[in-house]
């Protein structure tokens, strides 16, 4: 009986994880995070991995299931798998400088 109850709880949690993963994929698709293409011959795409996190409420119960999809870039070799690297996030100080310059010259920011 205990094993059946544990299995039922596991399946209920699994359903929550799958729902959260599906929601994350839909969000990334609608935000055009990537473009799906076929890899050229001789190239192997890098892998990916899901990370899971449960957020607990004050009573210790699970309130939120969070997931993150990340690329497994660690097996890549410079000069073989890629030529250049890019920093996709702007540092806050550069954004502040850009805003200050645009305010000084009365530029419009779109």
C-alpha atoms as a PDB file:
ATOM      1  CA  UNK A   1       0.000   0.000   0.000  1.00  0.00           C
ATOM      2  CA  UNK A   2       2.822   2.436   0.868  1.00  0.00           C
ATOM      3  CA  UNK A   3       4.608   1.625  -2.388  1.00  0.00           C
ATOM      4  CA  UNK A   4       1.425   2.329  -4.381  1.00  0.00           C
ATOM      5  CA  UNK A   5       1.001   5.675  -2.589  1.00  0.00           C
ATOM      6  CA  UNK A   6       4.636   6.596  -3.296  1.00  0.00           C
ATOM      7  CA  UNK A   7       4.183   5.701  -6.965  1.00  0.00           C
ATOM      8  CA  UNK A   8       1.058   7.873  -7.162  1.00  0.00           C
ATOM      9  CA  UNK A   9       2.924  10.817  -5.576  1.00  0.00           C
ATOM     10  CA  UNK A  10       5.857  10.275  -7.956  1.00  0.00           C
ATOM     11  CA  UNK A  11       3.564  10.315 -10.991  1.00  0.00           C
ATOM     12  CA  UNK A  12       1.821  13.455  -9.733  1.00  0.00           C
ATOM     13  CA  UNK A  13       5.181  15.218  -9.358  1.00  0.00           C
ATOM     14  CA  UNK A  14       6.354  13.900 -12.716  1.00  0.00           C
ATOM     15  CA  UNK A  15       3.263  15.432 -14.291  1.00  0.00           C
ATOM     16  CA  UNK A  16       4.113  18.797 -12.706  1.00  0.00           C
ATOM     17  CA  UNK A  17       7.696  18.604 -14.005  1.00  0.00           C
ATOM     18  CA  UNK A  18       6.535  17.706 -17.517  1.00  0.00           C
ATOM     19  CA  UNK A  19       3.998  20.536 -17.467  1.00  0.00           C
ATOM     20  CA  UNK A  20       6.694  22.988 -16.339  1.00  0.00           C
ATOM     21  CA  UNK A  21       9.128  21.746 -19.006  1.00  0.00           C
ATOM     22  CA  UNK A  22       6.455  22.081 -21.698  1.00  0.00           C
ATOM     23  CA  UNK A  23       5.674  25.610 -20.505  1.00  0.00           C
ATOM     24  CA  UNK A  24       9.383  26.542 -20.620  1.00  0.00           C
ATOM     25  CA  UNK A  25       9.751  25.153 -24.161  1.00  0.00           C
ATOM     26  CA  UNK A  26       6.629  27.047 -25.310  1.00  0.00           C
ATOM     27  CA  UNK A  27       7.998  30.246 -23.764  1.00  0.00           C
ATOM     28  CA  UNK A  28      11.384  29.853 -25.474  1.00  0.00           C
ATOM     29  CA  UNK A  29       9.687  29.067 -28.779  1.00  0.00           C
ATOM     30  CA  UNK A  30       7.384  32.109 -28.643  1.00  0.00           C
ATOM     31  CA  UNK A  31      10.329  34.356 -27.662  1.00  0.00           C
ATOM     32  CA  UNK A  32      12.367  32.962 -30.583  1.00  0.00           C
ATOM     33  CA  UNK A  33      15.256  31.930 -28.346  1.00  0.00           C
ATOM     34  CA  UNK A  34      16.583  29.697 -31.110  1.00  0.00           C
ATOM     35  CA  UNK A  35      15.998  28.719 -34.716  1.00  0.00           C
ATOM     36  CA  UNK A  36      15.652  25.008 -35.361  1.00  0.00           C
ATOM     37  CA  UNK A  37      18.004  23.882 -38.145  1.00  0.00           C
ATOM     38  CA  UNK A  38      19.546  20.623 -39.293  1.00  0.00           C
ATOM     39  CA  UNK A  39      23.291  20.384 -38.571  1.00  0.00           C
ATOM     40  CA  UNK A  40      25.645  20.316 -41.568  1.00  0.00           C
ATOM     41  CA  UNK A  41      27.266  17.006 -42.448  1.00  0.00           C
ATOM     42  CA  UNK A  42      30.189  16.171 -40.210  1.00  0.00           C
ATOM     43  CA  UNK A  43      29.034  18.409 -37.358  1.00  0.00           C
ATOM     44  CA  UNK A  44      27.600  17.096 -34.150  1.00  0.00           C
ATOM     45  CA  UNK A  45      25.262  19.403 -32.205  1.00  0.00           C
ATOM     46  CA  UNK A  46      26.079  20.023 -28.568  1.00  0.00           C
ATOM     47  CA  UNK A  47      23.942  18.339 -25.969  1.00  0.00           C
ATOM     48  CA  UNK A  48      21.515  19.869 -23.526  1.00  0.00           C
ATOM     49  CA  UNK A  49      20.473  19.195 -19.962  1.00  0.00           C
ATOM     50  CA  UNK A  50      17.490  20.069 -17.797  1.00  0.00           C
ATOM     51  CA  UNK A  51      17.969  21.386 -14.273  1.00  0.00           C
ATOM     52  CA  UNK A  52      15.121  21.114 -11.797  1.00  0.00           C
ATOM     53  CA  UNK A  53      14.361  23.145  -8.682  1.00  0.00           C
ATOM     54  CA  UNK A  54      11.496  23.017  -6.216  1.00  0.00           C
ATOM     55  CA  UNK A  55      10.560  26.143  -4.293  1.00  0.00           C
ATOM     56  CA  UNK A  56       9.141  25.530  -0.847  1.00  0.00           C
ATOM     57  CA  UNK A  57       6.613  27.667   0.966  1.00  0.00           C
ATOM     58  CA  UNK A  58       6.819  28.678   4.617  1.00  0.00           C
ATOM     59  CA  UNK A  59       5.000  25.499   5.590  1.00  0.00           C
ATOM     60  CA  UNK A  60       7.585  23.318   3.823  1.00  0.00           C
ATOM     61  CA  UNK A  61       5.244  22.291   1.010  1.00  0.00           C
ATOM     62  CA  UNK A  62       6.317  22.570  -2.624  1.00  0.00           C
ATOM     63  CA  UNK A  63       4.829  25.749  -4.093  1.00  0.00           C
ATOM     64  CA  UNK A  64       6.621  26.051  -7.438  1.00  0.00           C
ATOM     65  CA  UNK A  65       8.431  23.755  -9.836  1.00  0.00           C
ATOM     66  CA  UNK A  66      11.164  25.514 -11.837  1.00  0.00           C
ATOM     67  CA  UNK A  67      13.171  24.157 -14.759  1.00  0.00           C
ATOM     68  CA  UNK A  68      16.071  25.468 -16.799  1.00  0.00           C
ATOM     69  CA  UNK A  69      17.384  24.132 -20.099  1.00  0.00           C
ATOM     70  CA  UNK A  70      21.123  24.597 -20.586  1.00  0.00           C
ATOM     71  CA  UNK A  71      23.566  23.707 -23.338  1.00  0.00           C
ATOM     72  CA  UNK A  72      26.357  21.289 -22.476  1.00  0.00           C
ATOM     73  CA  UNK A  73      29.183  23.264 -24.034  1.00  0.00           C
ATOM     74  CA  UNK A  74      31.998  21.715 -22.007  1.00  0.00           C
ATOM     75  CA  UNK A  75      32.965  19.038 -24.583  1.00  0.00           C
ATOM     76  CA  UNK A  76      33.587  21.682 -27.264  1.00  0.00           C
ATOM     77  CA  UNK A  77      37.136  22.341 -28.440  1.00  0.00           C
ATOM     78  CA  UNK A  78      38.344  25.805 -29.517  1.00  0.00           C
ATOM     79  CA  UNK A  79      39.212  25.942 -33.212  1.00  0.00           C
ATOM     80  CA  UNK A  80      37.427  22.644 -33.866  1.00  0.00           C
ATOM     81  CA  UNK A  81      33.865  23.139 -32.652  1.00  0.00           C
ATOM     82  CA  UNK A  82      33.822  26.944 -32.583  1.00  0.00           C
ATOM     83  CA  UNK A  83      35.888  29.948 -33.643  1.00  0.00           C
ATOM     84  CA  UNK A  84      34.607  32.811 -31.497  1.00  0.00           C
ATOM     85  CA  UNK A  85      32.756  33.228 -28.238  1.00  0.00           C
ATOM     86  CA  UNK A  86      30.180  35.870 -27.479  1.00  0.00           C
ATOM     87  CA  UNK A  87      28.919  37.437 -24.271  1.00  0.00           C
ATOM     88  CA  UNK A  88      25.119  37.521 -24.635  1.00  0.00           C
ATOM     89  CA  UNK A  89      24.449  39.757 -21.610  1.00  0.00           C
ATOM     90  CA  UNK A  90      25.301  43.450 -21.336  1.00  0.00           C
ATOM     91  CA  UNK A  91      26.822  44.619 -18.077  1.00  0.00           C
ATOM     92  CA  UNK A  92      24.668  47.027 -16.057  1.00  0.00           C
ATOM     93  CA  UNK A  93      27.299  49.797 -16.110  1.00  0.00           C
ATOM     94  CA  UNK A  94      27.319  49.828 -19.923  1.00  0.00           C
ATOM     95  CA  UNK A  95      23.544  50.101 -20.026  1.00  0.00           C
ATOM     96  CA  UNK A  96      23.692  53.041 -17.597  1.00  0.00           C
ATOM     97  CA  UNK A  97      26.353  54.741 -19.741  1.00  0.00           C
ATOM     98  CA  UNK A  98      24.236  54.239 -22.858  1.00  0.00           C
ATOM     99  CA  UNK A  99      21.177  55.695 -21.120  1.00  0.00           C
ATOM    100  CA  UNK A 100      23.176  58.681 -19.833  1.00  0.00           C
ATOM    101  CA  UNK A 101      24.568  59.458 -23.293  1.00  0.00           C
ATOM    102  CA  UNK A 102      21.151  59.130 -24.915  1.00  0.00           C
ATOM    103  CA  UNK A 103      19.601  61.423 -22.273  1.00  0.00           C
ATOM    104  CA  UNK A 104      22.396  63.995 -22.700  1.00  0.00           C
ATOM    105  CA  UNK A 105      21.963  64.143 -26.490  1.00  0.00           C
ATOM    106  CA  UNK A 106      18.151  63.738 -26.248  1.00  0.00           C
ATOM    107  CA  UNK A 107      18.197  60.544 -28.350  1.00  0.00           C
ATOM    108  CA  UNK A 108      15.184  58.265 -28.575  1.00  0.00           C
ATOM    109  CA  UNK A 109      15.686  54.685 -27.441  1.00  0.00           C
ATOM    110  CA  UNK A 110      13.609  51.991 -29.106  1.00  0.00           C
END
